[in-house]
PDB file of N, CA and C in Angstrom:
ATOM      1  N   MET A   1       3.410   0.526 -18.177  1.00  0.00           N
ATOM      2  CA  MET A   1       3.200   1.294 -16.969  1.00  0.00           C
ATOM      3  C   MET A   1       1.717   1.434 -16.665  1.00  0.00           C
ATOM      4  N   ALA A   2       0.895   1.604 -17.689  1.00  0.00           N
ATOM      5  CA  ALA A   2      -0.538   1.767 -17.470  1.00  0.00           C
ATOM      6  C   ALA A   2      -1.144   0.513 -16.851  1.00  0.00           C
ATOM      7  N   GLY A   3      -0.656  -0.658 -17.238  1.00  0.00           N
ATOM      8  CA  GLY A   3      -1.154  -1.899 -16.663  1.00  0.00           C
ATOM      9  C   GLY A   3      -0.838  -2.020 -15.191  1.00  0.00           C
ATOM     10  N   ALA A   4       0.346  -1.573 -14.795  1.00  0.00           N
ATOM     11  CA  ALA A   4       0.736  -1.633 -13.387  1.00  0.00           C
ATOM     12  C   ALA A   4      -0.125  -0.698 -12.550  1.00  0.00           C
ATOM     13  N   VAL A   5      -0.433   0.469 -13.073  1.00  0.00           N
ATOM     14  CA  VAL A   5      -1.279   1.411 -12.343  1.00  0.00           C
ATOM     15  C   VAL A   5      -2.687   0.860 -12.226  1.00  0.00           C
ATOM     16  N   ALA A   6      -3.210   0.252 -13.278  1.00  0.00           N
ATOM     17  CA  ALA A   6      -4.557  -0.299 -13.247  1.00  0.00           C
ATOM     18  C   ALA A   6      -4.658  -1.440 -12.242  1.00  0.00           C
ATOM     19  N   ARG A   7      -3.635  -2.264 -12.129  1.00  0.00           N
ATOM     20  CA  ARG A   7      -3.650  -3.367 -11.179  1.00  0.00           C
ATOM     21  C   ARG A   7      -3.591  -2.874  -9.742  1.00  0.00           C
ATOM     22  N   ASN A   8      -2.953  -1.748  -9.498  1.00  0.00           N
ATOM     23  CA  ASN A   8      -2.783  -1.233  -8.145  1.00  0.00           C
ATOM     24  C   ASN A   8      -3.651  -0.001  -7.899  1.00  0.00           C
ATOM     25  N   PHE A   9      -4.784   0.110  -8.584  1.00  0.00           N
ATOM     26  CA  PHE A   9      -5.632   1.286  -8.453  1.00  0.00           C
ATOM     27  C   PHE A   9      -6.169   1.421  -7.029  1.00  0.00           C
ATOM     28  N   MET A  10      -6.794   0.379  -6.506  1.00  0.00           N
ATOM     29  CA  MET A  10      -7.273   0.369  -5.122  1.00  0.00           C
ATOM     30  C   MET A  10      -6.862  -0.951  -4.491  1.00  0.00           C
ATOM     31  N   VAL A  11      -6.090  -0.875  -3.424  1.00  0.00           N
ATOM     32  CA  VAL A  11      -5.637  -2.079  -2.738  1.00  0.00           C
ATOM     33  C   VAL A  11      -5.709  -1.861  -1.231  1.00  0.00           C
ATOM     34  N   ILE A  12      -5.775  -2.956  -0.492  1.00  0.00           N
ATOM     35  CA  ILE A  12      -5.811  -2.909   0.966  1.00  0.00           C
ATOM     36  C   ILE A  12      -4.465  -3.383   1.480  1.00  0.00           C
ATOM     37  N   GLY A  13      -3.943  -2.661   2.466  1.00  0.00           N
ATOM     38  CA  GLY A  13      -2.653  -3.019   3.036  1.00  0.00           C
ATOM     39  C   GLY A  13      -2.552  -2.605   4.490  1.00  0.00           C
ATOM     40  N   GLN A  14      -1.397  -2.870   5.079  1.00  0.00           N
ATOM     41  CA  GLN A  14      -1.144  -2.572   6.486  1.00  0.00           C
ATOM     42  C   GLN A  14      -0.059  -1.516   6.601  1.00  0.00           C
ATOM     43  N   CYS A  15      -0.286  -0.515   7.453  1.00  0.00           N
ATOM     44  CA  CYS A  15       0.715   0.532   7.678  1.00  0.00           C
ATOM     45  C   CYS A  15       1.902  -0.054   8.425  1.00  0.00           C
ATOM     46  N   ILE A  16       3.093   0.305   7.983  1.00  0.00           N
ATOM     47  CA  ILE A  16       4.313  -0.142   8.641  1.00  0.00           C
ATOM     48  C   ILE A  16       5.139   1.081   9.017  1.00  0.00           C
ATOM     49  N   ALA A  17       6.167   0.885   9.820  1.00  0.00           N
ATOM     50  CA  ALA A  17       6.994   1.986  10.311  1.00  0.00           C
ATOM     51  C   ALA A  17       7.680   2.711   9.160  1.00  0.00           C
ATOM     52  N   HIS A  18       7.804   4.038   9.304  1.00  0.00           N
ATOM     53  CA  HIS A  18       8.411   4.859   8.256  1.00  0.00           C
ATOM     54  C   HIS A  18       8.875   6.174   8.857  1.00  0.00           C
ATOM     55  N   GLU A  19       9.659   6.923   8.114  1.00  0.00           N
ATOM     56  CA  GLU A  19      10.163   8.224   8.551  1.00  0.00           C
ATOM     57  C   GLU A  19       9.767   9.338   7.588  1.00  0.00           C
ATOM     58  N   THR A  20       8.842   9.097   6.692  1.00  0.00           N
ATOM     59  CA  THR A  20       8.476  10.060   5.664  1.00  0.00           C
ATOM     60  C   THR A  20       7.425  11.035   6.191  1.00  0.00           C
ATOM     61  N   LYS A  21       7.611  12.341   5.928  1.00  0.00           N
ATOM     62  CA  LYS A  21       6.623  13.344   6.335  1.00  0.00           C
ATOM     63  C   LYS A  21       5.428  13.300   5.386  1.00  0.00           C
ATOM     64  N   ASN A  22       4.241  13.509   5.935  1.00  0.00           N
ATOM     65  CA  ASN A  22       2.990  13.589   5.171  1.00  0.00           C
ATOM     66  C   ASN A  22       2.708  12.352   4.332  1.00  0.00           C
ATOM     67  N   ALA A  23       3.223  11.214   4.741  1.00  0.00           N
ATOM     68  CA  ALA A  23       2.980   9.982   3.985  1.00  0.00           C
ATOM     69  C   ALA A  23       2.944   8.789   4.935  1.00  0.00           C
ATOM     70  N   ALA A  24       2.250   7.758   4.514  1.00  0.00           N
ATOM     71  CA  ALA A  24       2.203   6.498   5.242  1.00  0.00           C
ATOM     72  C   ALA A  24       2.790   5.422   4.344  1.00  0.00           C
ATOM     73  N   LYS A  25       3.582   4.543   4.930  1.00  0.00           N
ATOM     74  CA  LYS A  25       4.145   3.425   4.175  1.00  0.00           C
ATOM     75  C   LYS A  25       3.218   2.234   4.381  1.00  0.00           C
ATOM     76  N   VAL A  26       2.696   1.709   3.288  1.00  0.00           N
ATOM     77  CA  VAL A  26       1.696   0.644   3.350  1.00  0.00           C
ATOM     78  C   VAL A  26       2.239  -0.590   2.658  1.00  0.00           C
ATOM     79  N   ARG A  27       2.178  -1.725   3.351  1.00  0.00           N
ATOM     80  CA  ARG A  27       2.617  -3.006   2.789  1.00  0.00           C
ATOM     81  C   ARG A  27       1.395  -3.775   2.310  1.00  0.00           C
ATOM     82  N   VAL A  28       1.395  -4.123   1.030  1.00  0.00           N
ATOM     83  CA  VAL A  28       0.299  -4.866   0.407  1.00  0.00           C
ATOM     84  C   VAL A  28       0.781  -6.287   0.152  1.00  0.00           C
ATOM     85  N   LYS A  29       0.026  -7.262   0.655  1.00  0.00           N
ATOM     86  CA  LYS A  29       0.393  -8.665   0.470  1.00  0.00           C
ATOM     87  C   LYS A  29      -0.374  -9.251  -0.706  1.00  0.00           C
ATOM     88  N   LYS A  30       0.340 -10.004  -1.517  1.00  0.00           N
ATOM     89  CA  LYS A  30      -0.256 -10.684  -2.667  1.00  0.00           C
ATOM     90  C   LYS A  30       0.291 -12.102  -2.723  1.00  0.00           C
ATOM     91  N   LEU A  31      -0.365 -12.944  -3.508  1.00  0.00           N
ATOM     92  CA  LEU A  31       0.119 -14.301  -3.727  1.00  0.00           C
ATOM     93  C   LEU A  31       0.632 -14.409  -5.154  1.00  0.00           C
ATOM     94  N   GLN A  32       1.826 -14.978  -5.298  1.00  0.00           N
ATOM     95  CA  GLN A  32       2.435 -15.139  -6.617  1.00  0.00           C
ATOM     96  C   GLN A  32       2.500 -16.628  -6.939  1.00  0.00           C
ATOM     97  N   PHE A  33       2.025 -16.991  -8.132  1.00  0.00           N
ATOM     98  CA  PHE A  33       1.977 -18.388  -8.547  1.00  0.00           C
ATOM     99  C   PHE A  33       3.311 -18.810  -9.141  1.00  0.00           C
ATOM    100  N   ASP A  34       3.829 -19.949  -8.687  1.00  0.00           N
ATOM    101  CA  ASP A  34       5.061 -20.526  -9.221  1.00  0.00           C
ATOM    102  C   ASP A  34       4.666 -21.620 -10.213  1.00  0.00           C
ATOM    103  N   GLU A  35       4.991 -21.402 -11.485  1.00  0.00           N
ATOM    104  CA  GLU A  35       4.610 -22.340 -12.551  1.00  0.00           C
ATOM    105  C   GLU A  35       5.256 -23.711 -12.369  1.00  0.00           C
ATOM    106  N   ARG A  36       6.469 -23.734 -11.871  1.00  0.00           N
ATOM    107  CA  ARG A  36       7.189 -25.001 -11.744  1.00  0.00           C
ATOM    108  C   ARG A  36       6.618 -25.868 -10.622  1.00  0.00           C
ATOM    109  N   LEU A  37       6.327 -25.261  -9.480  1.00  0.00           N
ATOM    110  CA  LEU A  37       5.826 -26.015  -8.331  1.00  0.00           C
ATOM    111  C   LEU A  37       4.302 -26.065  -8.260  1.00  0.00           C
ATOM    112  N   HIS A  38       3.635 -25.247  -9.076  1.00  0.00           N
ATOM    113  CA  HIS A  38       2.179 -25.150  -9.066  1.00  0.00           C
ATOM    114  C   HIS A  38       1.654 -24.820  -7.669  1.00  0.00           C
ATOM    115  N   MET A  39       2.296 -23.820  -7.053  1.00  0.00           N
ATOM    116  CA  MET A  39       1.906 -23.364  -5.719  1.00  0.00           C
ATOM    117  C   MET A  39       1.946 -21.842  -5.681  1.00  0.00           C
ATOM    118  N   TYR A  40       1.197 -21.277  -4.750  1.00  0.00           N
ATOM    119  CA  TYR A  40       1.232 -19.838  -4.520  1.00  0.00           C
ATOM    120  C   TYR A  40       2.156 -19.536  -3.349  1.00  0.00           C
ATOM    121  N   PHE A  41       2.910 -18.455  -3.472  1.00  0.00           N
ATOM    122  CA  PHE A  41       3.810 -18.025  -2.416  1.00  0.00           C
ATOM    123  C   PHE A  41       3.538 -16.561  -2.096  1.00  0.00           C
ATOM    124  N   PRO A  42       3.634 -16.191  -0.809  1.00  0.00           N
ATOM    125  CA  PRO A  42       3.363 -14.797  -0.445  1.00  0.00           C
ATOM    126  C   PRO A  42       4.431 -13.845  -0.970  1.00  0.00           C
ATOM    127  N   LYS A  43       3.976 -12.680  -1.379  1.00  0.00           N
ATOM    128  CA  LYS A  43       4.862 -11.631  -1.870  1.00  0.00           C
ATOM    129  C   LYS A  43       4.289 -10.314  -1.365  1.00  0.00           C
ATOM    130  N   HIS A  44       5.127  -9.370  -1.016  1.00  0.00           N
ATOM    131  CA  HIS A  44       4.612  -8.079  -0.574  1.00  0.00           C
ATOM    132  C   HIS A  44       5.231  -6.950  -1.384  1.00  0.00           C
ATOM    133  N   THR A  45       4.481  -5.862  -1.470  1.00  0.00           N
ATOM    134  CA  THR A  45       4.916  -4.655  -2.158  1.00  0.00           C
ATOM    135  C   THR A  45       4.636  -3.478  -1.238  1.00  0.00           C
ATOM    136  N   ASN A  46       5.564  -2.540  -1.153  1.00  0.00           N
ATOM    137  CA  ASN A  46       5.384  -1.356  -0.320  1.00  0.00           C
ATOM    138  C   ASN A  46       5.015  -0.159  -1.187  1.00  0.00           C
ATOM    139  N   PHE A  47       4.043   0.621  -0.712  1.00  0.00           N
ATOM    140  CA  PHE A  47       3.620   1.850  -1.365  1.00  0.00           C
ATOM    141  C   PHE A  47       3.678   2.978  -0.347  1.00  0.00           C
ATOM    142  N   TYR A  48       3.926   4.188  -0.826  1.00  0.00           N
ATOM    143  CA  TYR A  48       3.812   5.374   0.015  1.00  0.00           C
ATOM    144  C   TYR A  48       2.506   6.065  -0.354  1.00  0.00           C
ATOM    145  N   ALA A  49       1.669   6.320   0.663  1.00  0.00           N
ATOM    146  CA  ALA A  49       0.372   6.952   0.444  1.00  0.00           C
ATOM    147  C   ALA A  49       0.345   8.311   1.129  1.00  0.00           C
ATOM    148  N   HIS A  50      -0.234   9.293   0.463  1.00  0.00           N
ATOM    149  CA  HIS A  50      -0.342  10.651   0.999  1.00  0.00           C
ATOM    150  C   HIS A  50      -1.238  10.637   2.236  1.00  0.00           C
ATOM    151  N   ASP A  51      -0.723  11.122   3.368  1.00  0.00           N
ATOM    152  CA  ASP A  51      -1.450  11.136   4.637  1.00  0.00           C
ATOM    153  C   ASP A  51      -1.068  12.397   5.410  1.00  0.00           C
ATOM    154  N   PRO A  52      -1.578  13.581   5.005  1.00  0.00           N
ATOM    155  CA  PRO A  52      -1.154  14.831   5.637  1.00  0.00           C
ATOM    156  C   PRO A  52      -1.589  14.964   7.096  1.00  0.00           C
ATOM    157  N   GLU A  53      -2.721  14.350   7.489  1.00  0.00           N
ATOM    158  CA  GLU A  53      -3.192  14.445   8.874  1.00  0.00           C
ATOM    159  C   GLU A  53      -2.538  13.415   9.788  1.00  0.00           C
ATOM    160  N   LYS A  54      -1.717  12.541   9.233  1.00  0.00           N
ATOM    161  CA  LYS A  54      -1.047  11.470   9.973  1.00  0.00           C
ATOM    162  C   LYS A  54      -2.054  10.608  10.742  1.00  0.00           C
ATOM    163  N   GLN A  55      -3.105  10.176  10.049  1.00  0.00           N
ATOM    164  CA  GLN A  55      -4.133   9.327  10.635  1.00  0.00           C
ATOM    165  C   GLN A  55      -3.656   7.889  10.785  1.00  0.00           C
ATOM    166  N   CYS A  56      -2.822   7.425   9.890  1.00  0.00           N
ATOM    167  CA  CYS A  56      -2.387   6.027   9.885  1.00  0.00           C
ATOM    168  C   CYS A  56      -1.308   5.798  10.930  1.00  0.00           C
ATOM    169  N   LYS A  57      -1.544   4.834  11.783  1.00  0.00           N
ATOM    170  CA  LYS A  57      -0.560   4.415  12.776  1.00  0.00           C
ATOM    171  C   LYS A  57      -0.055   3.027  12.378  1.00  0.00           C
ATOM    172  N   VAL A  58       1.068   2.629  12.941  1.00  0.00           N
ATOM    173  CA  VAL A  58       1.650   1.321  12.623  1.00  0.00           C
ATOM    174  C   VAL A  58       0.653   0.222  12.992  1.00  0.00           C
ATOM    175  N   GLY A  59       0.366  -0.654  12.041  1.00  0.00           N
ATOM    176  CA  GLY A  59      -0.548  -1.769  12.259  1.00  0.00           C
ATOM    177  C   GLY A  59      -1.952  -1.538  11.738  1.00  0.00           C
ATOM    178  N   ASP A  60      -2.301  -0.318  11.368  1.00  0.00           N
ATOM    179  CA  ASP A  60      -3.635  -0.029  10.834  1.00  0.00           C
ATOM    180  C   ASP A  60      -3.817  -0.665   9.460  1.00  0.00           C
ATOM    181  N   ILE A  61      -5.036  -1.105   9.187  1.00  0.00           N
ATOM    182  CA  ILE A  61      -5.392  -1.635   7.875  1.00  0.00           C
ATOM    183  C   ILE A  61      -6.048  -0.496   7.100  1.00  0.00           C
ATOM    184  N   VAL A  62      -5.511  -0.176   5.923  1.00  0.00           N
ATOM    185  CA  VAL A  62      -5.993   0.970   5.156  1.00  0.00           C
ATOM    186  C   VAL A  62      -6.264   0.581   3.703  1.00  0.00           C
ATOM    187  N   LEU A  63      -7.143   1.346   3.092  1.00  0.00           N
ATOM    188  CA  LEU A  63      -7.425   1.238   1.663  1.00  0.00           C
ATOM    189  C   LEU A  63      -6.668   2.366   0.988  1.00  0.00           C
ATOM    190  N   ILE A  64      -5.830   2.036   0.015  1.00  0.00           N
ATOM    191  CA  ILE A  64      -5.096   3.073  -0.702  1.00  0.00           C
ATOM    192  C   ILE A  64      -5.549   3.087  -2.152  1.00  0.00           C
ATOM    193  N   GLN A  65      -5.559   4.291  -2.708  1.00  0.00           N
ATOM    194  CA  GLN A  65      -6.033   4.497  -4.076  1.00  0.00           C
ATOM    195  C   GLN A  65      -4.948   5.227  -4.849  1.00  0.00           C
ATOM    196  N   ALA A  66      -4.694   4.793  -6.073  1.00  0.00           N
ATOM    197  CA  ALA A  66      -3.661   5.409  -6.907  1.00  0.00           C
ATOM    198  C   ALA A  66      -4.047   6.839  -7.249  1.00  0.00           C
ATOM    199  N   LEU A  67      -3.077   7.738  -7.177  1.00  0.00           N
ATOM    200  CA  LEU A  67      -3.288   9.130  -7.566  1.00  0.00           C
ATOM    201  C   LEU A  67      -3.217   9.244  -9.088  1.00  0.00           C
ATOM    202  N   PRO A  68      -3.896  10.233  -9.674  1.00  0.00           N
ATOM    203  CA  PRO A  68      -3.826  10.402 -11.133  1.00  0.00           C
ATOM    204  C   PRO A  68      -2.396  10.626 -11.622  1.00  0.00           C
ATOM    205  N   GLU A  69      -1.601  11.356 -10.827  1.00  0.00           N
ATOM    206  CA  GLU A  69      -0.179  11.512 -11.135  1.00  0.00           C
ATOM    207  C   GLU A  69       0.585  11.571  -9.819  1.00  0.00           C
ATOM    208  N   LYS A  70       1.836  11.189  -9.854  1.00  0.00           N
ATOM    209  CA  LYS A  70       2.652  11.122  -8.645  1.00  0.00           C
ATOM    210  C   LYS A  70       2.791  12.493  -7.991  1.00  0.00           C
ATOM    211  N   MET A  71       2.698  12.519  -6.647  1.00  0.00           N
ATOM    212  CA  MET A  71       2.941  13.769  -5.918  1.00  0.00           C
ATOM    213  C   MET A  71       4.435  14.035  -5.823  1.00  0.00           C
ATOM    214  N   THR A  72       5.178  12.993  -5.478  1.00  0.00           N
ATOM    215  CA  THR A  72       6.637  13.059  -5.425  1.00  0.00           C
ATOM    216  C   THR A  72       7.164  11.807  -6.106  1.00  0.00           C
ATOM    217  N   ARG A  73       8.452  11.609  -6.000  1.00  0.00           N
ATOM    218  CA  ARG A  73       9.047  10.415  -6.602  1.00  0.00           C
ATOM    219  C   ARG A  73       8.525   9.141  -5.943  1.00  0.00           C
ATOM    220  N   PHE A  74       8.208   9.215  -4.639  1.00  0.00           N
ATOM    221  CA  PHE A  74       7.786   8.027  -3.901  1.00  0.00           C
ATOM    222  C   PHE A  74       6.276   7.958  -3.674  1.00  0.00           C
ATOM    223  N   ILE A  75       5.627   9.087  -3.420  1.00  0.00           N
ATOM    224  CA  ILE A  75       4.206   9.087  -3.063  1.00  0.00           C
ATOM    225  C   ILE A  75       3.358   8.933  -4.324  1.00  0.00           C
ATOM    226  N   THR A  76       2.715   7.755  -4.428  1.00  0.00           N
ATOM    227  CA  THR A  76       1.936   7.428  -5.628  1.00  0.00           C
ATOM    228  C   THR A  76       0.468   7.151  -5.328  1.00  0.00           C
ATOM    229  N   HIS A  77       0.086   7.070  -4.047  1.00  0.00           N
ATOM    230  CA  HIS A  77      -1.271   6.713  -3.653  1.00  0.00           C
ATOM    231  C   HIS A  77      -1.784   7.681  -2.586  1.00  0.00           C
ATOM    232  N   SER A  78      -3.099   7.655  -2.350  1.00  0.00           N
ATOM    233  CA  SER A  78      -3.699   8.369  -1.227  1.00  0.00           C
ATOM    234  C   SER A  78      -4.364   7.325  -0.336  1.00  0.00           C
ATOM    235  N   SER A  79      -4.467   7.616   0.961  1.00  0.00           N
ATOM    236  CA  SER A  79      -4.956   6.606   1.895  1.00  0.00           C
ATOM    237  C   SER A  79      -6.330   6.954   2.444  1.00  0.00           C
ATOM    238  N   SER A  80      -7.099   5.903   2.750  1.00  0.00           N
ATOM    239  CA  SER A  80      -8.380   6.003   3.446  1.00  0.00           C
ATOM    240  C   SER A  80      -8.339   4.974   4.557  1.00  0.00           C
ATOM    241  N   LYS A  81      -8.624   5.386   5.759  1.00  0.00           N
ATOM    242  CA  LYS A  81      -8.516   4.473   6.892  1.00  0.00           C
ATOM    243  C   LYS A  81      -9.716   3.526   6.931  1.00  0.00           C
ATOM    244  N   LEU A  82      -9.463   2.247   7.122  1.00  0.00           N
ATOM    245  CA  LEU A  82     -10.531   1.255   7.240  1.00  0.00           C
ATOM    246  C   LEU A  82     -10.728   0.839   8.682  1.00  0.00           C
ATOM    247  N   SER A  83      -9.681   0.356   9.320  1.00  0.00           N
ATOM    248  CA  SER A  83      -9.797  -0.102  10.698  1.00  0.00           C
ATOM    249  C   SER A  83      -8.484   0.122  11.421  1.00  0.00           C
ATOM    250  N   THR A  84      -8.552   0.077  12.741  1.00  0.00           N
ATOM    251  CA  THR A  84      -7.356   0.292  13.540  1.00  0.00           C
ATOM    252  C   THR A  84      -6.819  -1.036  14.031  1.00  0.00           C
ATOM    253  N   HIS A  85      -5.559  -1.032  14.360  1.00  0.00           N
ATOM    254  CA  HIS A  85      -4.895  -2.221  14.887  1.00  0.00           C
ATOM    255  C   HIS A  85      -5.285  -2.391  16.348  1.00  0.00           C
ATOM    256  N   MET A  86      -5.755  -3.564  16.722  1.00  0.00           N
ATOM    257  CA  MET A  86      -6.156  -3.809  18.112  1.00  0.00           C
ATOM    258  C   MET A  86      -5.209  -4.806  18.741  1.00  0.00           C
ATOM    259  N   GLU A  87      -4.727  -4.466  19.920  1.00  0.00           N
ATOM    260  CA  GLU A  87      -3.828  -5.375  20.645  1.00  0.00           C
ATOM    261  C   GLU A  87      -4.436  -5.760  21.961  1.00  0.00           C
TER     262      GLU A  87
END
């Protein structure tokens, strides 16, 4: 468990739609290497980040940082806004 927390200490992701109060759902994209094909394939992981002011909107790029201990069963990170989604 400690290794997983260390790997996900600070990551950049994109806010996606969610229904959770005081939290933002952030999708983090990574590349996973396939030993058989010797190729990388995209993989994503979703995290819930504490966002009491509701600063994160859908499409925003945010930096999330692991909390020392979980706030709830789902909320494991805190968010810092980097940039907004431009259309």
